[in-house]
Amino acid sequence: MTRNDGMPKGTVVIAQRRPEEPIAKDSPRVFTPGQAISDIVFKGVARSAGGITVGIMLAVGLFLTINGSQAIGVAKFNFLSEQEWLPDAGRFGIAAVLAGTVTIAVIALCVSFPLAFGTSLLISEVLPQRLKSIVIPVVDLMAAVPSVIFGLWGVFFLQANVVPVSKFLSTFFGWIPIFAVTDANGQHLTEAGSFTSSAFIAGIVVGLMVVPTQTSVMREAFSQAPVGEREGALALGSTRWGMIRSVVLPFGRGGIIGGTMLGLGRALGETIAVYMIISPVFTINLQILSSGTNSVSSLIANRYGEASQFGLSALMAAGLVLFLLTMAINFTASTIVARSRSGADS
């Protein structure tokens, strides 16, 4: 059979370009998507919020710099090495209070990290759904408890119960310098009053205050571990702990680091609870169990009302150092989290 054009049926005809026809050049197609009003509004609100946040942070730093410049100009580098705090006499510095701030924050981190880490794993991996719906709000509500309540609890309840623990540590581990409690002559002290109002007690209270924040961040990171990888590990014969170690923990590494650093930043700036517990001294005290320590935030709260104009400038300078320290910790944490993204090793 043949077609109407005279060619047999089934013949494939290949179209040929005539010599006089020009060759069309390939060019990318321009695609301009239209933006909805909601997208434009959302982008504007997001950019405004981010800009306002950065602007407020820069404004705070600028305010502290301007108001503390007078004291910094007088003290110069001695501001970081001087231990006394006598601004009107010209002898003032934050060496003692900065050392106390770091000491309390490190103790708080040693207390809070194991509790937050274990609680977050318990909630995300062990508890059934019914208990999760009860435990999660309870833990989150702990972050809403005012710091003054923690301070009162630390002064009137925790301190009396921690003193025997401090005595035990000093008696059996006093050969370690940080656990020793001695007087100016190096004699070991055993009176109960020598163990109260210490950095150890303040660190425990602050550590319990930051546990909910750290727990919330870690729990959210652990709960985002892929279900497929969890089930795959269990299907290959892994135990629950093996699955957590090989899947959940690598996936939640960023959350662990972020939550820990967030708690550290909170511990560095805690004011009221520390102010209520410690006995302020202006000497570097590396004996964490002995009475007497200080912090930058409690110094500002304690001296703000009675400070002269120059003394107020000195307090602003101390606040500027604390602000820069907190910013440095946050930027370091963000860098570490960026280099260890959740799930990179799972």
C-alpha atoms as a PDB file:
ATOM      1  CA  MET A   1       0.000   0.000   0.000  1.00  0.00           C
ATOM      2  CA  THR A   2       1.139   3.519  -0.690  1.00  0.00           C
ATOM      3  CA  ARG A   3       0.369   6.880   0.833  1.00  0.00           C
ATOM      4  CA  ASN A   4      -1.234   9.800  -0.994  1.00  0.00           C
ATOM      5  CA  ASP A   5       2.208  11.327  -1.652  1.00  0.00           C
ATOM      6  CA  GLY A   6       3.275   8.244  -3.538  1.00  0.00           C
ATOM      7  CA  MET A   7       5.620   6.816  -0.877  1.00  0.00           C
ATOM      8  CA  PRO A   8       5.153   3.393   0.629  1.00  0.00           C
ATOM      9  CA  LYS A   9       3.355   3.290   3.935  1.00  0.00           C
ATOM     10  CA  GLY A  10       5.746   3.338   6.921  1.00  0.00           C
ATOM     11  CA  THR A  11       8.415   5.405   5.181  1.00  0.00           C
ATOM     12  CA  VAL A  12      10.070   7.945   7.539  1.00  0.00           C
ATOM     13  CA  VAL A  13      10.521  11.355   6.016  1.00  0.00           C
ATOM     14  CA  ILE A  14      13.363  13.481   7.410  1.00  0.00           C
ATOM     15  CA  ALA A  15      12.838  17.172   6.947  1.00  0.00           C
ATOM     16  CA  GLN A  16      15.862  18.927   5.469  1.00  0.00           C
ATOM     17  CA  ARG A  17      16.746  22.587   5.855  1.00  0.00           C
ATOM     18  CA  ARG A  18      16.828  24.582   2.738  1.00  0.00           C
ATOM     19  CA  PRO A  19      20.222  26.196   2.067  1.00  0.00           C
ATOM     20  CA  GLU A  20      18.744  29.686   2.053  1.00  0.00           C
ATOM     21  CA  GLU A  21      17.158  29.294   5.582  1.00  0.00           C
ATOM     22  CA  PRO A  22      19.239  30.919   8.397  1.00  0.00           C
ATOM     23  CA  ILE A  23      20.246  28.866  11.469  1.00  0.00           C
ATOM     24  CA  ALA A  24      18.438  29.975  14.641  1.00  0.00           C
ATOM     25  CA  LYS A  25      20.786  30.711  17.553  1.00  0.00           C
ATOM     26  CA  ASP A  26      20.062  29.154  20.971  1.00  0.00           C
ATOM     27  CA  SER A  27      19.400  31.710  23.678  1.00  0.00           C
ATOM     28  CA  PRO A  28      18.278  31.258  27.320  1.00  0.00           C
ATOM     29  CA  ARG A  29      14.692  31.971  27.993  1.00  0.00           C
ATOM     30  CA  VAL A  30      14.106  34.828  30.376  1.00  0.00           C
ATOM     31  CA  PHE A  31      11.765  33.770  33.152  1.00  0.00           C
ATOM     32  CA  THR A  32      10.567  36.465  35.489  1.00  0.00           C
ATOM     33  CA  PRO A  33       8.295  34.990  38.152  1.00  0.00           C
ATOM     34  CA  GLY A  34       5.753  37.280  39.677  1.00  0.00           C
ATOM     35  CA  GLN A  35       5.827  37.881  43.438  1.00  0.00           C
ATOM     36  CA  ALA A  36       2.685  37.722  45.461  1.00  0.00           C
ATOM     37  CA  ILE A  37       1.854  40.494  47.889  1.00  0.00           C
ATOM     38  CA  SER A  38       2.271  38.109  50.813  1.00  0.00           C
ATOM     39  CA  ASP A  39       5.837  37.220  49.704  1.00  0.00           C
ATOM     40  CA  ILE A  40       6.774  40.881  49.403  1.00  0.00           C
ATOM     41  CA  VAL A  41       5.352  41.655  52.848  1.00  0.00           C
ATOM     42  CA  PHE A  42       7.058  38.639  54.408  1.00  0.00           C
ATOM     43  CA  LYS A  43      10.432  39.568  52.894  1.00  0.00           C
ATOM     44  CA  GLY A  44      10.083  43.138  54.114  1.00  0.00           C
ATOM     45  CA  VAL A  45       9.104  42.107  57.646  1.00  0.00           C
ATOM     46  CA  ALA A  46      11.920  39.534  57.869  1.00  0.00           C
ATOM     47  CA  ARG A  47      14.544  42.006  56.679  1.00  0.00           C
ATOM     48  CA  SER A  48      13.238  44.682  59.026  1.00  0.00           C
ATOM     49  CA  ALA A  49      13.301  42.336  62.006  1.00  0.00           C
ATOM     50  CA  GLY A  50      16.847  41.219  61.240  1.00  0.00           C
ATOM     51  CA  GLY A  51      18.020  44.787  60.715  1.00  0.00           C
ATOM     52  CA  ILE A  52      16.382  45.997  63.923  1.00  0.00           C
ATOM     53  CA  THR A  53      17.961  43.160  65.925  1.00  0.00           C
ATOM     54  CA  VAL A  54      21.446  43.905  64.605  1.00  0.00           C
ATOM     55  CA  GLY A  55      20.850  47.627  65.091  1.00  0.00           C
ATOM     56  CA  ILE A  56      19.835  47.173  68.727  1.00  0.00           C
ATOM     57  CA  MET A  57      22.917  45.048  69.391  1.00  0.00           C
ATOM     58  CA  LEU A  58      25.192  47.670  67.830  1.00  0.00           C
ATOM     59  CA  ALA A  59      23.381  50.434  69.713  1.00  0.00           C
ATOM     60  CA  VAL A  60      23.951  48.679  73.035  1.00  0.00           C
ATOM     61  CA  GLY A  61      27.638  48.250  72.292  1.00  0.00           C
ATOM     62  CA  LEU A  62      27.949  51.879  71.195  1.00  0.00           C
ATOM     63  CA  PHE A  63      26.116  53.109  74.289  1.00  0.00           C
ATOM     64  CA  LEU A  64      28.408  51.161  76.622  1.00  0.00           C
ATOM     65  CA  THR A  65      31.492  52.301  74.715  1.00  0.00           C
ATOM     66  CA  ILE A  66      30.574  55.975  74.860  1.00  0.00           C
ATOM     67  CA  ASN A  67      29.600  55.952  78.530  1.00  0.00           C
ATOM     68  CA  GLY A  68      32.531  53.792  79.623  1.00  0.00           C
ATOM     69  CA  SER A  69      35.207  55.572  77.609  1.00  0.00           C
ATOM     70  CA  GLN A  70      35.979  58.028  80.412  1.00  0.00           C
ATOM     71  CA  ALA A  71      36.831  55.251  82.894  1.00  0.00           C
ATOM     72  CA  ILE A  72      38.736  53.241  80.291  1.00  0.00           C
ATOM     73  CA  GLY A  73      40.746  56.343  79.385  1.00  0.00           C
ATOM     74  CA  VAL A  74      41.789  56.781  83.015  1.00  0.00           C
ATOM     75  CA  ALA A  75      42.496  53.121  83.871  1.00  0.00           C
ATOM     76  CA  LYS A  76      43.807  52.069  80.431  1.00  0.00           C
ATOM     77  CA  PHE A  77      45.173  48.498  80.464  1.00  0.00           C
ATOM     78  CA  ASN A  78      45.072  48.359  84.260  1.00  0.00           C
ATOM     79  CA  PHE A  79      41.312  48.010  83.943  1.00  0.00           C
ATOM     80  CA  LEU A  80      41.818  44.342  83.045  1.00  0.00           C
ATOM     81  CA  SER A  81      44.542  43.636  85.622  1.00  0.00           C
ATOM     82  CA  GLU A  82      43.505  45.612  88.703  1.00  0.00           C
ATOM     83  CA  GLN A  83      41.524  43.703  91.338  1.00  0.00           C
ATOM     84  CA  GLU A  84      40.314  46.525  93.590  1.00  0.00           C
ATOM     85  CA  TRP A  85      37.214  48.544  92.817  1.00  0.00           C
ATOM     86  CA  LEU A  86      37.716  52.105  94.048  1.00  0.00           C
ATOM     87  CA  PRO A  87      36.830  54.308  91.061  1.00  0.00           C
ATOM     88  CA  ASP A  88      36.826  57.576  92.999  1.00  0.00           C
ATOM     89  CA  ALA A  89      40.312  56.796  94.318  1.00  0.00           C
ATOM     90  CA  GLY A  90      41.611  55.946  90.864  1.00  0.00           C
ATOM     91  CA  ARG A  91      42.196  52.243  91.636  1.00  0.00           C
ATOM     92  CA  PHE A  92      39.667  50.080  89.896  1.00  0.00           C
ATOM     93  CA  GLY A  93      39.622  47.094  87.573  1.00  0.00           C
ATOM     94  CA  ILE A  94      37.672  43.967  86.744  1.00  0.00           C
ATOM     95  CA  ALA A  95      40.323  41.268  87.151  1.00  0.00           C
ATOM     96  CA  ALA A  96      38.657  39.858  90.276  1.00  0.00           C
ATOM     97  CA  VAL A  97      35.055  40.182  89.133  1.00  0.00           C
ATOM     98  CA  LEU A  98      35.840  38.824  85.675  1.00  0.00           C
ATOM     99  CA  ALA A  99      37.571  35.798  87.181  1.00  0.00           C
ATOM    100  CA  GLY A 100      34.559  35.221  89.437  1.00  0.00           C
ATOM    101  CA  THR A 101      32.177  35.551  86.484  1.00  0.00           C
ATOM    102  CA  VAL A 102      34.036  32.930  84.475  1.00  0.00           C
ATOM    103  CA  THR A 103      34.355  30.626  87.501  1.00  0.00           C
ATOM    104  CA  ILE A 104      30.629  30.704  88.244  1.00  0.00           C
ATOM    105  CA  ALA A 105      29.771  30.180  84.574  1.00  0.00           C
ATOM    106  CA  VAL A 106      32.116  27.184  84.243  1.00  0.00           C
ATOM    107  CA  ILE A 107      30.691  25.583  87.389  1.00  0.00           C
ATOM    108  CA  ALA A 108      27.172  26.195  86.071  1.00  0.00           C
ATOM    109  CA  LEU A 109      28.113  24.553  82.781  1.00  0.00           C
ATOM    110  CA  CYS A 110      29.536  21.500  84.564  1.00  0.00           C
ATOM    111  CA  VAL A 111      26.232  21.168  86.443  1.00  0.00           C
ATOM    112  CA  SER A 112      23.823  21.942  83.627  1.00  0.00           C
ATOM    113  CA  PHE A 113      25.321  20.045  80.688  1.00  0.00           C
ATOM    114  CA  PRO A 114      24.952  16.479  82.057  1.00  0.00           C
ATOM    115  CA  LEU A 115      21.421  17.231  83.289  1.00  0.00           C
ATOM    116  CA  ALA A 116      20.325  18.866  80.041  1.00  0.00           C
ATOM    117  CA  PHE A 117      21.961  16.213  77.861  1.00  0.00           C
ATOM    118  CA  GLY A 118      20.421  13.328  79.774  1.00  0.00           C
ATOM    119  CA  THR A 119      16.998  14.955  80.024  1.00  0.00           C
ATOM    120  CA  SER A 120      16.876  15.719  76.306  1.00  0.00           C
ATOM    121  CA  LEU A 121      17.790  12.123  75.410  1.00  0.00           C
ATOM    122  CA  LEU A 122      15.230  10.819  77.901  1.00  0.00           C
ATOM    123  CA  ILE A 123      12.468  12.908  76.363  1.00  0.00           C
ATOM    124  CA  SER A 124      13.309  12.279  72.717  1.00  0.00           C
ATOM    125  CA  GLU A 125      14.332   8.621  72.862  1.00  0.00           C
ATOM    126  CA  VAL A 126      12.991   6.850  75.947  1.00  0.00           C
ATOM    127  CA  LEU A 127       9.720   8.267  77.215  1.00  0.00           C
ATOM    128  CA  PRO A 128       6.436   7.191  75.607  1.00  0.00           C
ATOM    129  CA  GLN A 129       4.339   9.826  73.893  1.00  0.00           C
ATOM    130  CA  ARG A 130       1.935  10.256  76.818  1.00  0.00           C
ATOM    131  CA  LEU A 131       4.733  11.090  79.243  1.00  0.00           C
ATOM    132  CA  LYS A 132       6.420  13.335  76.685  1.00  0.00           C
ATOM    133  CA  SER A 133       3.335  15.537  76.533  1.00  0.00           C
ATOM    134  CA  ILE A 134       3.635  16.021  80.309  1.00  0.00           C
ATOM    135  CA  VAL A 135       7.406  16.281  80.790  1.00  0.00           C
ATOM    136  CA  ILE A 136       8.110  18.705  77.921  1.00  0.00           C
ATOM    137  CA  PRO A 137       5.831  21.507  79.246  1.00  0.00           C
ATOM    138  CA  VAL A 138       7.160  20.994  82.774  1.00  0.00           C
ATOM    139  CA  VAL A 139      10.776  21.362  81.653  1.00  0.00           C
ATOM    140  CA  ASP A 140       9.958  24.358  79.458  1.00  0.00           C
ATOM    141  CA  LEU A 141       8.072  26.060  82.292  1.00  0.00           C
ATOM    142  CA  MET A 142      11.200  25.888  84.450  1.00  0.00           C
ATOM    143  CA  ALA A 143      12.710  28.534  82.166  1.00  0.00           C
ATOM    144  CA  ALA A 144       9.865  30.878  83.103  1.00  0.00           C
ATOM    145  CA  VAL A 145      10.641  30.773  86.837  1.00  0.00           C
ATOM    146  CA  PRO A 146      12.053  34.195  87.857  1.00  0.00           C
ATOM    147  CA  SER A 147      15.704  34.247  88.800  1.00  0.00           C
ATOM    148  CA  VAL A 148      14.874  35.802  92.173  1.00  0.00           C
ATOM    149  CA  ILE A 149      12.982  32.604  93.055  1.00  0.00           C
ATOM    150  CA  PHE A 150      16.070  30.546  92.266  1.00  0.00           C
ATOM    151  CA  GLY A 151      18.094  32.968  94.381  1.00  0.00           C
ATOM    152  CA  LEU A 152      15.797  32.615  97.373  1.00  0.00           C
ATOM    153  CA  TRP A 153      15.811  28.839  97.008  1.00  0.00           C
ATOM    154  CA  GLY A 154      19.595  28.833  96.811  1.00  0.00           C
ATOM    155  CA  VAL A 155      20.039  31.020  99.882  1.00  0.00           C
ATOM    156  CA  PHE A 156      17.532  29.421 102.234  1.00  0.00           C
ATOM    157  CA  PHE A 157      17.514  25.784 101.113  1.00  0.00           C
ATOM    158  CA  LEU A 158      20.347  24.754  98.840  1.00  0.00           C
ATOM    159  CA  GLN A 159      23.151  26.498 100.693  1.00  0.00           C
ATOM    160  CA  ALA A 160      22.546  24.673 103.975  1.00  0.00           C
ATOM    161  CA  ASN A 161      22.434  21.325 102.179  1.00  0.00           C
ATOM    162  CA  VAL A 162      25.487  21.962 100.006  1.00  0.00           C
ATOM    163  CA  VAL A 163      27.803  22.972 102.859  1.00  0.00           C
ATOM    164  CA  PRO A 164      28.315  19.312 103.967  1.00  0.00           C
ATOM    165  CA  VAL A 165      29.177  18.421 100.380  1.00  0.00           C
ATOM    166  CA  SER A 166      31.657  21.281 100.250  1.00  0.00           C
ATOM    167  CA  LYS A 167      33.240  20.104 103.505  1.00  0.00           C
ATOM    168  CA  PHE A 168      33.563  16.582 102.124  1.00  0.00           C
ATOM    169  CA  LEU A 169      35.233  17.811  98.958  1.00  0.00           C
ATOM    170  CA  SER A 170      37.582  20.038 100.907  1.00  0.00           C
ATOM    171  CA  THR A 171      38.518  17.270 103.340  1.00  0.00           C
ATOM    172  CA  PHE A 172      39.237  14.508 100.846  1.00  0.00           C
ATOM    173  CA  PHE A 173      40.155  16.500  97.737  1.00  0.00           C
ATOM    174  CA  GLY A 174      41.742  19.524  99.356  1.00  0.00           C
ATOM    175  CA  TRP A 175      45.066  18.601  97.779  1.00  0.00           C
ATOM    176  CA  ILE A 176      43.553  19.915  94.534  1.00  0.00           C
ATOM    177  CA  PRO A 177      43.947  23.720  94.723  1.00  0.00           C
ATOM    178  CA  ILE A 178      40.419  24.586  93.590  1.00  0.00           C
ATOM    179  CA  PHE A 179      38.884  22.368  96.316  1.00  0.00           C
ATOM    180  CA  ALA A 180      41.054  23.692  99.134  1.00  0.00           C
ATOM    181  CA  VAL A 181      39.568  26.058 101.726  1.00  0.00           C
ATOM    182  CA  THR A 182      42.347  27.866 103.581  1.00  0.00           C
ATOM    183  CA  ASP A 183      42.945  31.151 105.359  1.00  0.00           C
ATOM    184  CA  ALA A 184      45.653  33.718 104.616  1.00  0.00           C
ATOM    185  CA  ASN A 185      48.233  31.548 106.407  1.00  0.00           C
ATOM    186  CA  GLY A 186      47.385  28.422 104.437  1.00  0.00           C
ATOM    187  CA  GLN A 187      45.580  26.681 107.303  1.00  0.00           C
ATOM    188  CA  HIS A 188      42.619  24.516 106.324  1.00  0.00           C
ATOM    189  CA  LEU A 189      39.275  25.823 107.528  1.00  0.00           C
ATOM    190  CA  THR A 190      36.409  23.636 108.726  1.00  0.00           C
ATOM    191  CA  GLU A 191      33.838  26.151 110.004  1.00  0.00           C
ATOM    192  CA  ALA A 192      30.509  26.125 108.160  1.00  0.00           C
ATOM    193  CA  GLY A 193      30.722  29.867 107.579  1.00  0.00           C
ATOM    194  CA  SER A 194      33.820  29.362 105.462  1.00  0.00           C
ATOM    195  CA  PHE A 195      31.827  27.357 102.909  1.00  0.00           C
ATOM    196  CA  THR A 196      28.777  29.598 102.460  1.00  0.00           C
ATOM    197  CA  SER A 197      28.254  32.244  99.772  1.00  0.00           C
ATOM    198  CA  SER A 198      30.772  30.537  97.516  1.00  0.00           C
ATOM    199  CA  ALA A 199      31.187  30.327  93.775  1.00  0.00           C
ATOM    200  CA  PHE A 200      30.320  26.628  94.024  1.00  0.00           C
ATOM    201  CA  ILE A 201      26.846  27.325  95.424  1.00  0.00           C
ATOM    202  CA  ALA A 202      26.203  30.171  92.999  1.00  0.00           C
ATOM    203  CA  GLY A 203      27.332  27.982  90.101  1.00  0.00           C
ATOM    204  CA  ILE A 204      24.929  25.195  91.085  1.00  0.00           C
ATOM    205  CA  VAL A 205      21.984  27.611  91.217  1.00  0.00           C
ATOM    206  CA  VAL A 206      22.866  29.211  87.879  1.00  0.00           C
ATOM    207  CA  GLY A 207      23.416  25.775  86.354  1.00  0.00           C
ATOM    208  CA  LEU A 208      19.924  24.679  87.343  1.00  0.00           C
ATOM    209  CA  MET A 209      18.558  27.900  85.854  1.00  0.00           C
ATOM    210  CA  VAL A 210      20.043  27.248  82.404  1.00  0.00           C
ATOM    211  CA  VAL A 211      19.086  23.555  82.232  1.00  0.00           C
ATOM    212  CA  PRO A 212      15.657  24.193  80.606  1.00  0.00           C
ATOM    213  CA  THR A 213      17.171  26.326  77.844  1.00  0.00           C
ATOM    214  CA  GLN A 214      19.850  23.786  77.007  1.00  0.00           C
ATOM    215  CA  THR A 215      17.379  20.914  77.209  1.00  0.00           C
ATOM    216  CA  SER A 216      14.949  22.560  74.798  1.00  0.00           C
ATOM    217  CA  VAL A 217      17.621  23.169  72.140  1.00  0.00           C
ATOM    218  CA  MET A 218      19.129  19.678  72.421  1.00  0.00           C
ATOM    219  CA  ARG A 219      15.747  17.966  72.456  1.00  0.00           C
ATOM    220  CA  GLU A 220      14.654  19.699  69.270  1.00  0.00           C
ATOM    221  CA  ALA A 221      17.886  18.680  67.549  1.00  0.00           C
ATOM    222  CA  PHE A 222      17.579  15.045  68.642  1.00  0.00           C
ATOM    223  CA  SER A 223      13.925  14.809  67.615  1.00  0.00           C
ATOM    224  CA  GLN A 224      14.820  15.840  64.046  1.00  0.00           C
ATOM    225  CA  ALA A 225      16.988  12.770  63.441  1.00  0.00           C
ATOM    226  CA  PRO A 226      15.600  10.945  60.344  1.00  0.00           C
ATOM    227  CA  VAL A 227      13.238   8.088  61.131  1.00  0.00           C
ATOM    228  CA  GLY A 228      14.607   6.073  58.216  1.00  0.00           C
ATOM    229  CA  GLU A 229      18.126   6.095  59.594  1.00  0.00           C
ATOM    230  CA  ARG A 230      16.840   5.206  63.064  1.00  0.00           C
ATOM    231  CA  GLU A 231      14.907   2.229  61.729  1.00  0.00           C
ATOM    232  CA  GLY A 232      17.781   1.230  59.477  1.00  0.00           C
ATOM    233  CA  ALA A 233      20.174   1.056  62.423  1.00  0.00           C
ATOM    234  CA  LEU A 234      17.712  -1.010  64.444  1.00  0.00           C
ATOM    235  CA  ALA A 235      17.032  -3.287  61.461  1.00  0.00           C
ATOM    236  CA  LEU A 236      20.748  -4.026  61.199  1.00  0.00           C
ATOM    237  CA  GLY A 237      20.729  -5.337  64.763  1.00  0.00           C
ATOM    238  CA  SER A 238      21.805  -2.236  66.634  1.00  0.00           C
ATOM    239  CA  THR A 239      20.704  -1.723  70.221  1.00  0.00           C
ATOM    240  CA  ARG A 240      18.834   1.409  71.220  1.00  0.00           C
ATOM    241  CA  TRP A 241      21.997   2.948  72.633  1.00  0.00           C
ATOM    242  CA  GLY A 242      23.885   1.928  69.504  1.00  0.00           C
ATOM    243  CA  MET A 243      21.261   3.647  67.366  1.00  0.00           C
ATOM    244  CA  ILE A 244      21.459   6.778  69.519  1.00  0.00           C
ATOM    245  CA  ARG A 245      25.247   6.806  69.344  1.00  0.00           C
ATOM    246  CA  SER A 246      25.460   6.248  65.587  1.00  0.00           C
ATOM    247  CA  VAL A 247      22.440   8.247  64.380  1.00  0.00           C
ATOM    248  CA  VAL A 248      20.927  10.608  66.955  1.00  0.00           C
ATOM    249  CA  LEU A 249      24.080  12.059  68.501  1.00  0.00           C
ATOM    250  CA  PRO A 250      25.879  12.802  65.197  1.00  0.00           C
ATOM    251  CA  PHE A 251      22.718  14.368  63.808  1.00  0.00           C
ATOM    252  CA  GLY A 252      22.226  16.499  66.937  1.00  0.00           C
ATOM    253  CA  ARG A 253      25.831  17.665  67.290  1.00  0.00           C
ATOM    254  CA  GLY A 254      24.954  21.198  66.244  1.00  0.00           C
ATOM    255  CA  GLY A 255      22.127  21.317  68.783  1.00  0.00           C
ATOM    256  CA  ILE A 256      24.410  20.077  71.554  1.00  0.00           C
ATOM    257  CA  ILE A 257      26.989  22.760  70.855  1.00  0.00           C
ATOM    258  CA  GLY A 258      24.410  25.476  70.339  1.00  0.00           C
ATOM    259  CA  GLY A 259      22.473  24.646  73.495  1.00  0.00           C
ATOM    260  CA  THR A 260      25.632  24.451  75.586  1.00  0.00           C
ATOM    261  CA  MET A 261      26.938  27.803  74.382  1.00  0.00           C
ATOM    262  CA  LEU A 262      23.530  29.408  74.812  1.00  0.00           C
ATOM    263  CA  GLY A 263      23.480  28.240  78.420  1.00  0.00           C
ATOM    264  CA  LEU A 264      27.017  29.536  78.926  1.00  0.00           C
ATOM    265  CA  GLY A 265      26.004  32.969  77.665  1.00  0.00           C
ATOM    266  CA  ARG A 266      23.046  32.978  80.049  1.00  0.00           C
ATOM    267  CA  ALA A 267      25.257  31.914  82.956  1.00  0.00           C
ATOM    268  CA  LEU A 268      27.776  34.697  82.304  1.00  0.00           C
ATOM    269  CA  GLY A 269      25.109  37.377  82.528  1.00  0.00           C
ATOM    270  CA  GLU A 270      23.010  36.082  85.432  1.00  0.00           C
ATOM    271  CA  THR A 271      22.581  38.818  88.028  1.00  0.00           C
ATOM    272  CA  ILE A 272      19.947  38.547  90.753  1.00  0.00           C
ATOM    273  CA  ALA A 273      20.486  34.947  91.824  1.00  0.00           C
ATOM    274  CA  VAL A 274      24.261  35.418  91.983  1.00  0.00           C
ATOM    275  CA  TYR A 275      23.895  38.736  93.780  1.00  0.00           C
ATOM    276  CA  MET A 276      21.703  37.128  96.477  1.00  0.00           C
ATOM    277  CA  ILE A 277      24.055  34.204  97.112  1.00  0.00           C
ATOM    278  CA  ILE A 278      27.652  35.407  96.920  1.00  0.00           C
ATOM    279  CA  SER A 279      29.663  37.408  99.426  1.00  0.00           C
ATOM    280  CA  PRO A 280      31.383  40.071  97.269  1.00  0.00           C
ATOM    281  CA  VAL A 281      35.172  40.254  97.448  1.00  0.00           C
ATOM    282  CA  PHE A 282      37.607  42.045  95.189  1.00  0.00           C
ATOM    283  CA  THR A 283      40.386  39.499  95.082  1.00  0.00           C
ATOM    284  CA  ILE A 284      40.823  36.608  92.695  1.00  0.00           C
ATOM    285  CA  ASN A 285      39.611  33.585  94.655  1.00  0.00           C
ATOM    286  CA  LEU A 286      40.373  30.318  92.885  1.00  0.00           C
ATOM    287  CA  GLN A 287      39.061  28.256  95.809  1.00  0.00           C
ATOM    288  CA  ILE A 288      35.562  27.619  94.547  1.00  0.00           C
ATOM    289  CA  LEU A 289      34.332  26.102  97.819  1.00  0.00           C
ATOM    290  CA  SER A 290      35.370  28.975 100.088  1.00  0.00           C
ATOM    291  CA  SER A 291      33.218  31.968 100.897  1.00  0.00           C
ATOM    292  CA  GLY A 292      33.653  35.051  98.767  1.00  0.00           C
ATOM    293  CA  THR A 293      33.543  35.676  95.040  1.00  0.00           C
ATOM    294  CA  ASN A 294      32.132  38.237  92.644  1.00  0.00           C
ATOM    295  CA  SER A 295      30.793  38.736  89.126  1.00  0.00           C
ATOM    296  CA  VAL A 296      30.468  41.617  86.707  1.00  0.00           C
ATOM    297  CA  SER A 297      26.674  41.595  86.684  1.00  0.00           C
ATOM    298  CA  SER A 298      26.369  41.489  90.479  1.00  0.00           C
ATOM    299  CA  LEU A 299      28.962  44.276  90.762  1.00  0.00           C
ATOM    300  CA  ILE A 300      26.831  46.494  88.533  1.00  0.00           C
ATOM    301  CA  ALA A 301      23.665  45.651  90.476  1.00  0.00           C
ATOM    302  CA  ASN A 302      25.397  46.267  93.800  1.00  0.00           C
ATOM    303  CA  ARG A 303      27.161  49.548  93.008  1.00  0.00           C
ATOM    304  CA  TYR A 304      24.798  51.192  90.530  1.00  0.00           C
ATOM    305  CA  GLY A 305      22.646  53.033  93.071  1.00  0.00           C
ATOM    306  CA  GLU A 306      25.511  54.624  95.025  1.00  0.00           C
ATOM    307  CA  ALA A 307      27.964  55.249  92.165  1.00  0.00           C
ATOM    308  CA  SER A 308      29.218  58.717  91.299  1.00  0.00           C
ATOM    309  CA  GLN A 309      29.322  59.934  87.727  1.00  0.00           C
ATOM    310  CA  PHE A 310      32.820  58.564  87.243  1.00  0.00           C
ATOM    311  CA  GLY A 311      31.911  55.380  89.107  1.00  0.00           C
ATOM    312  CA  LEU A 312      28.952  54.951  86.777  1.00  0.00           C
ATOM    313  CA  SER A 313      31.328  55.245  83.819  1.00  0.00           C
ATOM    314  CA  ALA A 314      33.466  52.504  85.364  1.00  0.00           C
ATOM    315  CA  LEU A 315      30.409  50.272  85.705  1.00  0.00           C
ATOM    316  CA  MET A 316      29.554  50.922  82.063  1.00  0.00           C
ATOM    317  CA  ALA A 317      33.080  49.883  81.124  1.00  0.00           C
ATOM    318  CA  ALA A 318      32.665  46.663  83.104  1.00  0.00           C
ATOM    319  CA  GLY A 319      29.384  46.031  81.310  1.00  0.00           C
ATOM    320  CA  LEU A 320      31.118  46.609  77.979  1.00  0.00           C
ATOM    321  CA  VAL A 321      33.685  43.908  78.767  1.00  0.00           C
ATOM    322  CA  LEU A 322      30.906  41.483  79.697  1.00  0.00           C
ATOM    323  CA  PHE A 323      29.044  42.398  76.486  1.00  0.00           C
ATOM    324  CA  LEU A 324      32.128  41.741  74.349  1.00  0.00           C
ATOM    325  CA  LEU A 325      32.827  38.460  76.173  1.00  0.00           C
ATOM    326  CA  THR A 326      29.295  37.239  75.555  1.00  0.00           C
ATOM    327  CA  MET A 327      29.443  38.266  71.903  1.00  0.00           C
ATOM    328  CA  ALA A 328      32.749  36.457  71.449  1.00  0.00           C
ATOM    329  CA  ILE A 329      31.279  33.271  72.924  1.00  0.00           C
ATOM    330  CA  ASN A 330      28.200  33.497  70.699  1.00  0.00           C
ATOM    331  CA  PHE A 331      30.244  34.055  67.542  1.00  0.00           C
ATOM    332  CA  THR A 332      32.546  31.178  68.471  1.00  0.00           C
ATOM    333  CA  ALA A 333      29.547  28.939  69.033  1.00  0.00           C
ATOM    334  CA  SER A 334      28.016  29.900  65.683  1.00  0.00           C
ATOM    335  CA  THR A 335      31.304  29.119  63.943  1.00  0.00           C
ATOM    336  CA  ILE A 336      31.546  25.711  65.599  1.00  0.00           C
ATOM    337  CA  VAL A 337      27.920  24.902  64.773  1.00  0.00           C
ATOM    338  CA  ALA A 338      28.446  25.953  61.144  1.00  0.00           C
ATOM    339  CA  ARG A 339      31.386  23.553  60.865  1.00  0.00           C
ATOM    340  CA  SER A 340      29.497  20.668  62.459  1.00  0.00           C
ATOM    341  CA  ARG A 341      26.081  20.693  60.849  1.00  0.00           C
ATOM    342  CA  SER A 342      23.504  18.357  62.324  1.00  0.00           C
ATOM    343  CA  GLY A 343      23.463  15.060  60.494  1.00  0.00           C
ATOM    344  CA  ALA A 344      26.828  15.469  58.779  1.00  0.00           C
ATOM    345  CA  ASP A 345      28.208  12.243  60.224  1.00  0.00           C
ATOM    346  CA  SER A 346      25.002  10.207  60.505  1.00  0.00           C
END
